[in-house]
Amino acid sequence: MKILITGGAGFIASHLVDALISAGHKVSVLDNLSTGDIYNVNKAANFYEVDILDSFKLKSIFEFEKPDLVSHHAAQTSVRLSEESPTNDVSTNVIGTLNILNLCLTYKVKKIVFSSTCAVYSEPSYLPMDEEHPIDPKSIYGLSKYTAENYIRFFSKSSHLKYTIFRYGNVFGPRQNPLGEAGVVSIFTGQMLNGIRPVIYGDGNKTRDYVFVNDIVMANLNVLDVAGDNQTFNLASGKEISDFEIFSSVRNSIGIDVEPSFANIRKGEAERVSLSIKKANEILRWEPKTLLDQGILEVVRSIKK
């Protein structure tokens, strides 16, 4: 199968590129390298340094590659930056997605797989949150991703284009930037290894639902054919893990004696997150295999290198 991956130099998508190439697929990668790293890109993939807002260049790539499936990971993912510059956030996450959708229709792409986020949900009305949970994003980032979801659904209704939407929990693993805003496992690891006292925003009891990147890749592989057509799935572990639990696990994996400092919780962050993965389990036969401590140990080893 010919597969085009946007954001393919990034943390999650670069792992997916590796898996697809190992499975024998022909893969092309689009990335503007604003946050992605060229060294993450498998040399067997066709790589194009291009922004998804550049519709002219995108058109020439689609014309040449003629993909069967598009896996759309390119996005502005920083909650902080979405609040500082809503226009830039919407440009990438909404207009960029529309550019990809228009080309999918023009070049008769069979299916688009979209990486969305649990940030589309409101503060929990119940836990774990399933895909029918009320939508009320607390951040502009969450709002722009949900808007992109709805454009995908709208385009699909009036065309041949099938879709699968994944709402990711907190994905962690090797290649996640330890200097970025997102990815507390990598951030804590990088700080501790460099003798920096990590900061926990809030009192340490804020929870998230963590899932290892290899498990996310497996779910993406499961929907390459008709599985999950025109459906939305949560991908996570189904468990609430507190910031302090993450801190403690990283500290134990490194084997140092350090205590965190605390700061005010940041704007746009939910207090609690836990996602139901029942639907993905029943329809896609997917469930995460990597234990939290095992995954954190892999992150520590990768950053030490």
C-alpha atoms as a PDB file:
ATOM      1  CA  MET A   1       0.000   0.000   0.000  1.00  0.00           C
ATOM      2  CA  LYS A   2       1.173   3.563  -0.727  1.00  0.00           C
ATOM      3  CA  ILE A   3       0.915   5.580   2.483  1.00  0.00           C
ATOM      4  CA  LEU A   4       1.604   9.278   2.996  1.00  0.00           C
ATOM      5  CA  ILE A   5       2.307  10.442   6.542  1.00  0.00           C
ATOM      6  CA  THR A   6       2.162  14.099   7.535  1.00  0.00           C
ATOM      7  CA  GLY A   7       4.337  15.078  10.482  1.00  0.00           C
ATOM      8  CA  GLY A   8       6.380  11.959   9.823  1.00  0.00           C
ATOM      9  CA  ALA A   9       9.576  13.358  11.359  1.00  0.00           C
ATOM     10  CA  GLY A  10       7.809  13.796  14.677  1.00  0.00           C
ATOM     11  CA  PHE A  11       7.749  11.652  17.776  1.00  0.00           C
ATOM     12  CA  ILE A  12       4.735   9.390  17.168  1.00  0.00           C
ATOM     13  CA  ALA A  13       4.575   9.392  13.378  1.00  0.00           C
ATOM     14  CA  SER A  14       8.253   8.508  12.900  1.00  0.00           C
ATOM     15  CA  HIS A  15       7.709   5.288  14.851  1.00  0.00           C
ATOM     16  CA  LEU A  16       4.710   4.565  12.615  1.00  0.00           C
ATOM     17  CA  VAL A  17       6.849   5.157   9.511  1.00  0.00           C
ATOM     18  CA  ASP A  18       9.363   2.568  10.750  1.00  0.00           C
ATOM     19  CA  ALA A  19       6.625   0.000  11.357  1.00  0.00           C
ATOM     20  CA  LEU A  20       4.971   0.566   7.978  1.00  0.00           C
ATOM     21  CA  ILE A  21       8.244   0.201   6.102  1.00  0.00           C
ATOM     22  CA  SER A  22       9.041  -2.971   8.047  1.00  0.00           C
ATOM     23  CA  ALA A  23       5.630  -4.296   6.962  1.00  0.00           C
ATOM     24  CA  GLY A  24       6.492  -3.692   3.300  1.00  0.00           C
ATOM     25  CA  HIS A  25       4.482  -0.541   2.584  1.00  0.00           C
ATOM     26  CA  LYS A  26       5.699   2.304   0.358  1.00  0.00           C
ATOM     27  CA  VAL A  27       5.855   5.347   2.627  1.00  0.00           C
ATOM     28  CA  SER A  28       6.224   9.045   1.900  1.00  0.00           C
ATOM     29  CA  VAL A  29       6.741  11.573   4.693  1.00  0.00           C
ATOM     30  CA  LEU A  30       5.787  15.254   4.836  1.00  0.00           C
ATOM     31  CA  ASP A  31       7.199  17.460   7.596  1.00  0.00           C
ATOM     32  CA  ASN A  32       8.236  21.110   7.865  1.00  0.00           C
ATOM     33  CA  LEU A  33      10.766  20.181  10.595  1.00  0.00           C
ATOM     34  CA  SER A  34       9.499  22.941  12.900  1.00  0.00           C
ATOM     35  CA  THR A  35       9.360  20.407  15.726  1.00  0.00           C
ATOM     36  CA  GLY A  36      10.217  17.159  13.938  1.00  0.00           C
ATOM     37  CA  ASP A  37      13.750  15.853  13.478  1.00  0.00           C
ATOM     38  CA  ILE A  38      15.102  14.682  10.127  1.00  0.00           C
ATOM     39  CA  TYR A  39      17.147  12.043  11.965  1.00  0.00           C
ATOM     40  CA  ASN A  40      13.882  10.375  13.004  1.00  0.00           C
ATOM     41  CA  VAL A  41      12.904   9.722   9.379  1.00  0.00           C
ATOM     42  CA  ASN A  42      13.506   6.235   8.043  1.00  0.00           C
ATOM     43  CA  LYS A  43      15.854   6.427   5.060  1.00  0.00           C
ATOM     44  CA  ALA A  44      13.595   4.070   3.091  1.00  0.00           C
ATOM     45  CA  ALA A  45      10.803   6.677   3.081  1.00  0.00           C
ATOM     46  CA  ASN A  46      10.439   9.418   0.476  1.00  0.00           C
ATOM     47  CA  PHE A  47      10.883  12.613   2.496  1.00  0.00           C
ATOM     48  CA  TYR A  48       9.489  16.050   1.616  1.00  0.00           C
ATOM     49  CA  GLU A  49      10.267  19.109   3.712  1.00  0.00           C
ATOM     50  CA  VAL A  50       7.011  20.987   3.295  1.00  0.00           C
ATOM     51  CA  ASP A  51       4.429  22.797   5.398  1.00  0.00           C
ATOM     52  CA  ILE A  52       0.838  21.567   5.192  1.00  0.00           C
ATOM     53  CA  LEU A  53      -0.186  25.194   4.640  1.00  0.00           C
ATOM     54  CA  ASP A  54       1.696  25.198   1.327  1.00  0.00           C
ATOM     55  CA  SER A  55      -1.105  23.895  -0.869  1.00  0.00           C
ATOM     56  CA  PHE A  56       0.888  24.293  -4.107  1.00  0.00           C
ATOM     57  CA  LYS A  57       3.761  22.059  -2.958  1.00  0.00           C
ATOM     58  CA  LEU A  58       1.335  19.615  -1.363  1.00  0.00           C
ATOM     59  CA  LYS A  59      -0.503  19.242  -4.659  1.00  0.00           C
ATOM     60  CA  SER A  60       2.667  18.308  -6.526  1.00  0.00           C
ATOM     61  CA  ILE A  61       3.518  15.699  -3.877  1.00  0.00           C
ATOM     62  CA  PHE A  62       0.062  14.117  -4.002  1.00  0.00           C
ATOM     63  CA  GLU A  63       0.241  14.140  -7.801  1.00  0.00           C
ATOM     64  CA  PHE A  64       3.557  12.290  -7.729  1.00  0.00           C
ATOM     65  CA  GLU A  65       2.931   9.877  -4.838  1.00  0.00           C
ATOM     66  CA  LYS A  66      -0.790   9.133  -5.394  1.00  0.00           C
ATOM     67  CA  PRO A  67      -1.213   7.604  -1.914  1.00  0.00           C
ATOM     68  CA  ASP A  68      -3.867   5.018  -1.071  1.00  0.00           C
ATOM     69  CA  LEU A  69      -4.018   6.172   2.551  1.00  0.00           C
ATOM     70  CA  VAL A  70      -3.014   9.335   4.416  1.00  0.00           C
ATOM     71  CA  SER A  71      -2.025   9.273   8.084  1.00  0.00           C
ATOM     72  CA  HIS A  72      -2.370  12.869   9.258  1.00  0.00           C
ATOM     73  CA  HIS A  73      -0.174  13.623  12.277  1.00  0.00           C
ATOM     74  CA  ALA A  74       1.145  17.101  11.407  1.00  0.00           C
ATOM     75  CA  ALA A  75      -0.201  19.570  13.955  1.00  0.00           C
ATOM     76  CA  GLN A  76       0.466  22.415  16.333  1.00  0.00           C
ATOM     77  CA  THR A  77       0.321  20.487  19.625  1.00  0.00           C
ATOM     78  CA  SER A  78       1.326  23.011  22.287  1.00  0.00           C
ATOM     79  CA  VAL A  79      -1.502  24.108  24.585  1.00  0.00           C
ATOM     80  CA  ARG A  80       0.573  27.115  25.665  1.00  0.00           C
ATOM     81  CA  LEU A  81       1.265  28.255  22.097  1.00  0.00           C
ATOM     82  CA  SER A  82      -2.374  27.765  21.137  1.00  0.00           C
ATOM     83  CA  GLU A  83      -3.330  30.292  23.835  1.00  0.00           C
ATOM     84  CA  GLU A  84      -0.555  32.712  22.847  1.00  0.00           C
ATOM     85  CA  SER A  85      -1.320  32.562  19.120  1.00  0.00           C
ATOM     86  CA  PRO A  86      -4.773  31.152  18.334  1.00  0.00           C
ATOM     87  CA  THR A  87      -4.440  32.182  14.685  1.00  0.00           C
ATOM     88  CA  ASN A  88      -1.325  30.067  14.152  1.00  0.00           C
ATOM     89  CA  ASP A  89      -2.944  27.147  15.939  1.00  0.00           C
ATOM     90  CA  VAL A  90      -6.050  27.286  13.755  1.00  0.00           C
ATOM     91  CA  SER A  91      -3.972  27.787  10.607  1.00  0.00           C
ATOM     92  CA  THR A  92      -2.045  24.561  11.113  1.00  0.00           C
ATOM     93  CA  ASN A  93      -4.675  22.376  12.749  1.00  0.00           C
ATOM     94  CA  VAL A  94      -7.728  23.452  10.755  1.00  0.00           C
ATOM     95  CA  ILE A  95      -6.588  25.073   7.489  1.00  0.00           C
ATOM     96  CA  GLY A  96      -3.733  22.592   7.141  1.00  0.00           C
ATOM     97  CA  THR A  97      -6.151  19.712   7.625  1.00  0.00           C
ATOM     98  CA  LEU A  98      -8.499  21.197   5.024  1.00  0.00           C
ATOM     99  CA  ASN A  99      -5.606  21.339   2.556  1.00  0.00           C
ATOM    100  CA  ILE A 100      -4.932  17.653   3.145  1.00  0.00           C
ATOM    101  CA  LEU A 101      -8.629  16.769   2.851  1.00  0.00           C
ATOM    102  CA  ASN A 102      -9.059  18.616  -0.437  1.00  0.00           C
ATOM    103  CA  LEU A 103      -6.110  16.756  -1.920  1.00  0.00           C
ATOM    104  CA  CYS A 104      -7.412  13.439  -0.601  1.00  0.00           C
ATOM    105  CA  LEU A 105     -10.582  14.045  -2.603  1.00  0.00           C
ATOM    106  CA  THR A 106      -8.769  15.273  -5.716  1.00  0.00           C
ATOM    107  CA  TYR A 107      -6.424  12.288  -5.836  1.00  0.00           C
ATOM    108  CA  LYS A 108      -8.992   9.722  -4.685  1.00  0.00           C
ATOM    109  CA  VAL A 109      -7.251   8.698  -1.474  1.00  0.00           C
ATOM    110  CA  LYS A 110      -9.218   5.799  -0.013  1.00  0.00           C
ATOM    111  CA  LYS A 111      -8.812   6.615   3.678  1.00  0.00           C
ATOM    112  CA  ILE A 112      -7.449   9.199   6.105  1.00  0.00           C
ATOM    113  CA  VAL A 113      -6.342   8.307   9.631  1.00  0.00           C
ATOM    114  CA  PHE A 114      -6.321  11.362  11.893  1.00  0.00           C
ATOM    115  CA  SER A 115      -4.429  11.758  15.148  1.00  0.00           C
ATOM    116  CA  SER A 116      -6.633  13.768  17.482  1.00  0.00           C
ATOM    117  CA  THR A 117      -6.509  14.227  21.236  1.00  0.00           C
ATOM    118  CA  CYS A 118      -8.393  13.662  24.469  1.00  0.00           C
ATOM    119  CA  ALA A 119      -8.145  17.462  24.904  1.00  0.00           C
ATOM    120  CA  VAL A 120     -11.417  17.661  22.935  1.00  0.00           C
ATOM    121  CA  TYR A 121     -13.331  16.483  26.016  1.00  0.00           C
ATOM    122  CA  SER A 122     -14.690  18.633  28.827  1.00  0.00           C
ATOM    123  CA  GLU A 123     -13.738  18.179  32.457  1.00  0.00           C
ATOM    124  CA  PRO A 124     -14.873  14.619  33.167  1.00  0.00           C
ATOM    125  CA  SER A 125     -18.572  14.066  33.740  1.00  0.00           C
ATOM    126  CA  TYR A 126     -17.569  10.468  34.450  1.00  0.00           C
ATOM    127  CA  LEU A 127     -14.423   8.366  34.341  1.00  0.00           C
ATOM    128  CA  PRO A 128     -13.150   6.739  32.300  1.00  0.00           C
ATOM    129  CA  MET A 129     -14.379   8.971  29.487  1.00  0.00           C
ATOM    130  CA  ASP A 130     -15.670   7.122  26.427  1.00  0.00           C
ATOM    131  CA  GLU A 131     -16.076   8.482  22.901  1.00  0.00           C
ATOM    132  CA  GLU A 132     -19.623   9.686  23.701  1.00  0.00           C
ATOM    133  CA  HIS A 133     -18.440  11.864  26.595  1.00  0.00           C
ATOM    134  CA  PRO A 134     -19.462  15.554  26.307  1.00  0.00           C
ATOM    135  CA  ILE A 135     -17.176  17.665  24.141  1.00  0.00           C
ATOM    136  CA  ASP A 136     -16.109  21.012  25.599  1.00  0.00           C
ATOM    137  CA  PRO A 137     -12.410  21.723  25.054  1.00  0.00           C
ATOM    138  CA  LYS A 138     -10.609  23.704  27.749  1.00  0.00           C
ATOM    139  CA  SER A 139      -7.912  24.900  25.348  1.00  0.00           C
ATOM    140  CA  ILE A 140      -7.748  26.415  21.887  1.00  0.00           C
ATOM    141  CA  TYR A 141      -5.605  23.438  20.909  1.00  0.00           C
ATOM    142  CA  GLY A 142      -8.398  21.031  21.873  1.00  0.00           C
ATOM    143  CA  LEU A 143     -10.932  23.173  20.030  1.00  0.00           C
ATOM    144  CA  SER A 144      -8.895  23.271  16.820  1.00  0.00           C
ATOM    145  CA  LYS A 145      -8.386  19.503  16.852  1.00  0.00           C
ATOM    146  CA  TYR A 146     -12.113  18.915  17.344  1.00  0.00           C
ATOM    147  CA  THR A 147     -12.873  21.324  14.502  1.00  0.00           C
ATOM    148  CA  ALA A 148     -10.526  19.313  12.279  1.00  0.00           C
ATOM    149  CA  GLU A 149     -12.327  16.115  13.321  1.00  0.00           C
ATOM    150  CA  ASN A 150     -15.634  17.593  12.219  1.00  0.00           C
ATOM    151  CA  TYR A 151     -14.272  18.672   8.849  1.00  0.00           C
ATOM    152  CA  ILE A 152     -13.061  15.119   8.277  1.00  0.00           C
ATOM    153  CA  ARG A 153     -16.508  13.709   9.119  1.00  0.00           C
ATOM    154  CA  PHE A 154     -18.199  16.292   6.892  1.00  0.00           C
ATOM    155  CA  PHE A 155     -15.955  15.574   3.894  1.00  0.00           C
ATOM    156  CA  SER A 156     -16.436  11.834   4.328  1.00  0.00           C
ATOM    157  CA  LYS A 157     -20.238  12.082   4.214  1.00  0.00           C
ATOM    158  CA  SER A 158     -20.204  13.618   0.754  1.00  0.00           C
ATOM    159  CA  SER A 159     -17.389  11.604  -0.834  1.00  0.00           C
ATOM    160  CA  HIS A 160     -15.633   8.262  -1.198  1.00  0.00           C
ATOM    161  CA  LEU A 161     -13.151   9.132   1.569  1.00  0.00           C
ATOM    162  CA  LYS A 162     -13.184   6.859   4.614  1.00  0.00           C
ATOM    163  CA  TYR A 163     -11.669   7.920   7.920  1.00  0.00           C
ATOM    164  CA  THR A 164     -10.557   6.736  11.323  1.00  0.00           C
ATOM    165  CA  ILE A 165     -10.043   9.271  14.108  1.00  0.00           C
ATOM    166  CA  PHE A 166      -7.852   8.433  17.095  1.00  0.00           C
ATOM    167  CA  ARG A 167      -8.084  10.485  20.279  1.00  0.00           C
ATOM    168  CA  TYR A 168      -4.758   9.914  21.969  1.00  0.00           C
ATOM    169  CA  GLY A 169      -4.142  10.006  25.679  1.00  0.00           C
ATOM    170  CA  ASN A 170      -0.698  11.085  26.878  1.00  0.00           C
ATOM    171  CA  VAL A 171       1.625   9.239  24.525  1.00  0.00           C
ATOM    172  CA  PHE A 172       5.204   8.736  25.702  1.00  0.00           C
ATOM    173  CA  GLY A 173       8.295   6.954  24.475  1.00  0.00           C
ATOM    174  CA  PRO A 174      11.696   7.341  22.785  1.00  0.00           C
ATOM    175  CA  ARG A 175      12.153  10.343  20.431  1.00  0.00           C
ATOM    176  CA  GLN A 176       9.846  12.553  22.494  1.00  0.00           C
ATOM    177  CA  ASN A 177      11.528  15.912  23.003  1.00  0.00           C
ATOM    178  CA  PRO A 178      12.728  16.294  26.629  1.00  0.00           C
ATOM    179  CA  LEU A 179      12.981  20.063  26.081  1.00  0.00           C
ATOM    180  CA  GLY A 180       9.407  20.530  24.856  1.00  0.00           C
ATOM    181  CA  GLU A 181       6.194  21.481  26.647  1.00  0.00           C
ATOM    182  CA  ALA A 182       4.395  18.176  26.164  1.00  0.00           C
ATOM    183  CA  GLY A 183       5.657  14.799  27.267  1.00  0.00           C
ATOM    184  CA  VAL A 184       6.158  14.931  31.004  1.00  0.00           C
ATOM    185  CA  VAL A 185       7.954  11.556  31.060  1.00  0.00           C
ATOM    186  CA  SER A 186      10.669  12.800  28.702  1.00  0.00           C
ATOM    187  CA  ILE A 187      10.790  16.207  30.371  1.00  0.00           C
ATOM    188  CA  PHE A 188      11.260  14.771  33.872  1.00  0.00           C
ATOM    189  CA  THR A 189      13.828  12.294  32.546  1.00  0.00           C
ATOM    190  CA  GLY A 190      15.863  14.962  30.765  1.00  0.00           C
ATOM    191  CA  GLN A 191      15.781  17.251  33.781  1.00  0.00           C
ATOM    192  CA  MET A 192      16.809  14.598  36.291  1.00  0.00           C
ATOM    193  CA  LEU A 193      19.635  13.309  34.093  1.00  0.00           C
ATOM    194  CA  ASN A 194      20.948  16.883  33.837  1.00  0.00           C
ATOM    195  CA  GLY A 195      20.725  17.598  37.555  1.00  0.00           C
ATOM    196  CA  ILE A 196      17.696  19.865  37.239  1.00  0.00           C
ATOM    197  CA  ARG A 197      14.927  19.697  39.830  1.00  0.00           C
ATOM    198  CA  PRO A 198      11.673  18.941  37.962  1.00  0.00           C
ATOM    199  CA  VAL A 199       8.640  21.194  38.322  1.00  0.00           C
ATOM    200  CA  ILE A 200       5.169  19.740  38.888  1.00  0.00           C
ATOM    201  CA  TYR A 201       2.372  22.122  37.916  1.00  0.00           C
ATOM    202  CA  GLY A 202      -0.310  21.855  40.582  1.00  0.00           C
ATOM    203  CA  ASP A 203      -0.090  19.751  43.728  1.00  0.00           C
ATOM    204  CA  GLY A 204       0.990  16.536  42.007  1.00  0.00           C
ATOM    205  CA  ASN A 205      -2.477  14.975  42.047  1.00  0.00           C
ATOM    206  CA  LYS A 206      -3.442  16.030  38.507  1.00  0.00           C
ATOM    207  CA  THR A 207      -3.967  12.856  36.487  1.00  0.00           C
ATOM    208  CA  ARG A 208      -3.454  11.806  32.903  1.00  0.00           C
ATOM    209  CA  ASP A 209      -3.830   8.567  30.959  1.00  0.00           C
ATOM    210  CA  TYR A 210      -0.458   7.407  29.626  1.00  0.00           C
ATOM    211  CA  VAL A 211       0.136   5.067  26.691  1.00  0.00           C
ATOM    212  CA  PHE A 212       3.433   3.935  25.170  1.00  0.00           C
ATOM    213  CA  VAL A 213       4.191   4.932  21.583  1.00  0.00           C
ATOM    214  CA  ASN A 214       4.624   1.344  20.332  1.00  0.00           C
ATOM    215  CA  ASP A 215       1.054   0.590  21.399  1.00  0.00           C
ATOM    216  CA  ILE A 216      -0.195   3.633  19.480  1.00  0.00           C
ATOM    217  CA  VAL A 217       1.636   2.364  16.401  1.00  0.00           C
ATOM    218  CA  MET A 218      -0.092  -1.018  16.658  1.00  0.00           C
ATOM    219  CA  ALA A 219      -3.525   0.634  16.669  1.00  0.00           C
ATOM    220  CA  ASN A 220      -2.595   2.612  13.557  1.00  0.00           C
ATOM    221  CA  LEU A 221      -1.523  -0.588  11.819  1.00  0.00           C
ATOM    222  CA  ASN A 222      -4.838  -2.213  12.724  1.00  0.00           C
ATOM    223  CA  VAL A 223      -6.851   0.306  10.671  1.00  0.00           C
ATOM    224  CA  LEU A 224      -4.946   0.142   7.398  1.00  0.00           C
ATOM    225  CA  ASP A 225      -7.779  -1.814   5.794  1.00  0.00           C
ATOM    226  CA  VAL A 226     -11.501  -1.539   6.566  1.00  0.00           C
ATOM    227  CA  ALA A 227     -11.168  -1.925  10.329  1.00  0.00           C
ATOM    228  CA  GLY A 228     -12.537   1.116  12.123  1.00  0.00           C
ATOM    229  CA  ASP A 229     -13.860   2.824   9.016  1.00  0.00           C
ATOM    230  CA  ASN A 230     -15.722   6.071   9.779  1.00  0.00           C
ATOM    231  CA  GLN A 231     -15.304   5.693  13.524  1.00  0.00           C
ATOM    232  CA  THR A 232     -13.606   7.514  16.394  1.00  0.00           C
ATOM    233  CA  PHE A 233     -11.555   5.728  19.055  1.00  0.00           C
ATOM    234  CA  ASN A 234      -9.820   6.612  22.285  1.00  0.00           C
ATOM    235  CA  LEU A 235      -6.283   5.236  22.530  1.00  0.00           C
ATOM    236  CA  ALA A 236      -4.866   5.170  26.044  1.00  0.00           C
ATOM    237  CA  SER A 237      -4.353   2.775  28.950  1.00  0.00           C
ATOM    238  CA  GLY A 238      -7.690   3.346  30.672  1.00  0.00           C
ATOM    239  CA  LYS A 239      -5.881   4.248  33.907  1.00  0.00           C
ATOM    240  CA  GLU A 240      -5.475   7.479  35.852  1.00  0.00           C
ATOM    241  CA  ILE A 241      -1.853   8.214  36.693  1.00  0.00           C
ATOM    242  CA  SER A 242      -0.916  11.269  38.768  1.00  0.00           C
ATOM    243  CA  ASP A 243       1.937  13.651  38.040  1.00  0.00           C
ATOM    244  CA  PHE A 244       3.646  12.555  41.240  1.00  0.00           C
ATOM    245  CA  GLU A 245       3.380   8.882  40.252  1.00  0.00           C
ATOM    246  CA  ILE A 246       5.121   9.705  36.961  1.00  0.00           C
ATOM    247  CA  PHE A 247       7.772  11.672  38.834  1.00  0.00           C
ATOM    248  CA  SER A 248       8.364   8.770  41.225  1.00  0.00           C
ATOM    249  CA  SER A 249       8.602   6.190  38.439  1.00  0.00           C
ATOM    250  CA  VAL A 250      11.130   8.280  36.493  1.00  0.00           C
ATOM    251  CA  ARG A 251      13.141   8.897  39.660  1.00  0.00           C
ATOM    252  CA  ASN A 252      13.200   5.183  40.465  1.00  0.00           C
ATOM    253  CA  SER A 253      14.208   4.266  36.898  1.00  0.00           C
ATOM    254  CA  ILE A 254      17.143   6.684  37.017  1.00  0.00           C
ATOM    255  CA  GLY A 255      18.025   5.805  40.598  1.00  0.00           C
ATOM    256  CA  ILE A 256      18.565   9.256  42.087  1.00  0.00           C
ATOM    257  CA  ASP A 257      17.377  11.099  45.186  1.00  0.00           C
ATOM    258  CA  VAL A 258      15.489  14.231  44.190  1.00  0.00           C
ATOM    259  CA  GLU A 259      12.238  15.941  45.149  1.00  0.00           C
ATOM    260  CA  PRO A 260      10.066  18.036  42.811  1.00  0.00           C
ATOM    261  CA  SER A 261       9.280  21.708  43.078  1.00  0.00           C
ATOM    262  CA  PHE A 262       5.704  22.880  42.574  1.00  0.00           C
ATOM    263  CA  ALA A 263       4.144  25.707  40.551  1.00  0.00           C
ATOM    264  CA  ASN A 264       0.623  26.868  39.725  1.00  0.00           C
ATOM    265  CA  ILE A 265      -1.345  24.678  37.329  1.00  0.00           C
ATOM    266  CA  ARG A 266      -1.270  26.020  33.773  1.00  0.00           C
ATOM    267  CA  LYS A 267      -4.246  27.489  31.919  1.00  0.00           C
ATOM    268  CA  GLY A 268      -6.249  25.058  29.815  1.00  0.00           C
ATOM    269  CA  GLU A 269      -5.244  21.910  31.706  1.00  0.00           C
ATOM    270  CA  ALA A 270      -7.864  19.478  33.004  1.00  0.00           C
ATOM    271  CA  GLU A 271      -7.554  18.163  36.563  1.00  0.00           C
ATOM    272  CA  ARG A 272      -8.298  14.532  35.735  1.00  0.00           C
ATOM    273  CA  VAL A 273      -8.128  12.406  32.594  1.00  0.00           C
ATOM    274  CA  SER A 274      -8.856   8.732  32.094  1.00  0.00           C
ATOM    275  CA  LEU A 275     -10.136   7.278  28.835  1.00  0.00           C
ATOM    276  CA  SER A 276     -12.241   4.219  28.128  1.00  0.00           C
ATOM    277  CA  ILE A 277     -10.592   1.996  25.516  1.00  0.00           C
ATOM    278  CA  LYS A 278     -13.449  -0.506  25.368  1.00  0.00           C
ATOM    279  CA  LYS A 279     -14.468   0.495  21.833  1.00  0.00           C
ATOM    280  CA  ALA A 280     -10.938   0.090  20.431  1.00  0.00           C
ATOM    281  CA  ASN A 281     -10.654  -3.256  22.168  1.00  0.00           C
ATOM    282  CA  GLU A 282     -13.961  -4.563  20.816  1.00  0.00           C
ATOM    283  CA  ILE A 283     -13.724  -3.279  17.225  1.00  0.00           C
ATOM    284  CA  LEU A 284      -9.979  -3.122  16.568  1.00  0.00           C
ATOM    285  CA  ARG A 285      -8.975  -5.922  18.948  1.00  0.00           C
ATOM    286  CA  TRP A 286      -6.472  -3.448  20.381  1.00  0.00           C
ATOM    287  CA  GLU A 287      -5.159  -3.015  23.875  1.00  0.00           C
ATOM    288  CA  PRO A 288      -1.894  -1.546  25.178  1.00  0.00           C
ATOM    289  CA  LYS A 289       0.810  -4.083  26.005  1.00  0.00           C
ATOM    290  CA  THR A 290       3.516  -1.912  27.569  1.00  0.00           C
ATOM    291  CA  LEU A 291       3.460  -1.388  31.331  1.00  0.00           C
ATOM    292  CA  LEU A 292       4.064   2.168  32.555  1.00  0.00           C
ATOM    293  CA  ASP A 293       7.321   1.429  34.393  1.00  0.00           C
ATOM    294  CA  GLN A 294       8.614  -0.628  31.461  1.00  0.00           C
ATOM    295  CA  GLY A 295       7.923   2.211  29.030  1.00  0.00           C
ATOM    296  CA  ILE A 296       9.501   4.798  31.321  1.00  0.00           C
ATOM    297  CA  LEU A 297      12.634   2.661  31.592  1.00  0.00           C
ATOM    298  CA  GLU A 298      12.860   2.639  27.773  1.00  0.00           C
ATOM    299  CA  VAL A 299      12.592   6.439  27.727  1.00  0.00           C
ATOM    300  CA  VAL A 300      15.356   6.741  30.325  1.00  0.00           C
ATOM    301  CA  ARG A 301      17.618   4.430  28.315  1.00  0.00           C
ATOM    302  CA  SER A 302      16.969   6.305  25.059  1.00  0.00           C
ATOM    303  CA  ILE A 303      17.701   9.736  26.550  1.00  0.00           C
ATOM    304  CA  LYS A 304      20.852   8.444  28.256  1.00  0.00           C
ATOM    305  CA  LYS A 305      22.176   7.487  24.813  1.00  0.00           C
END
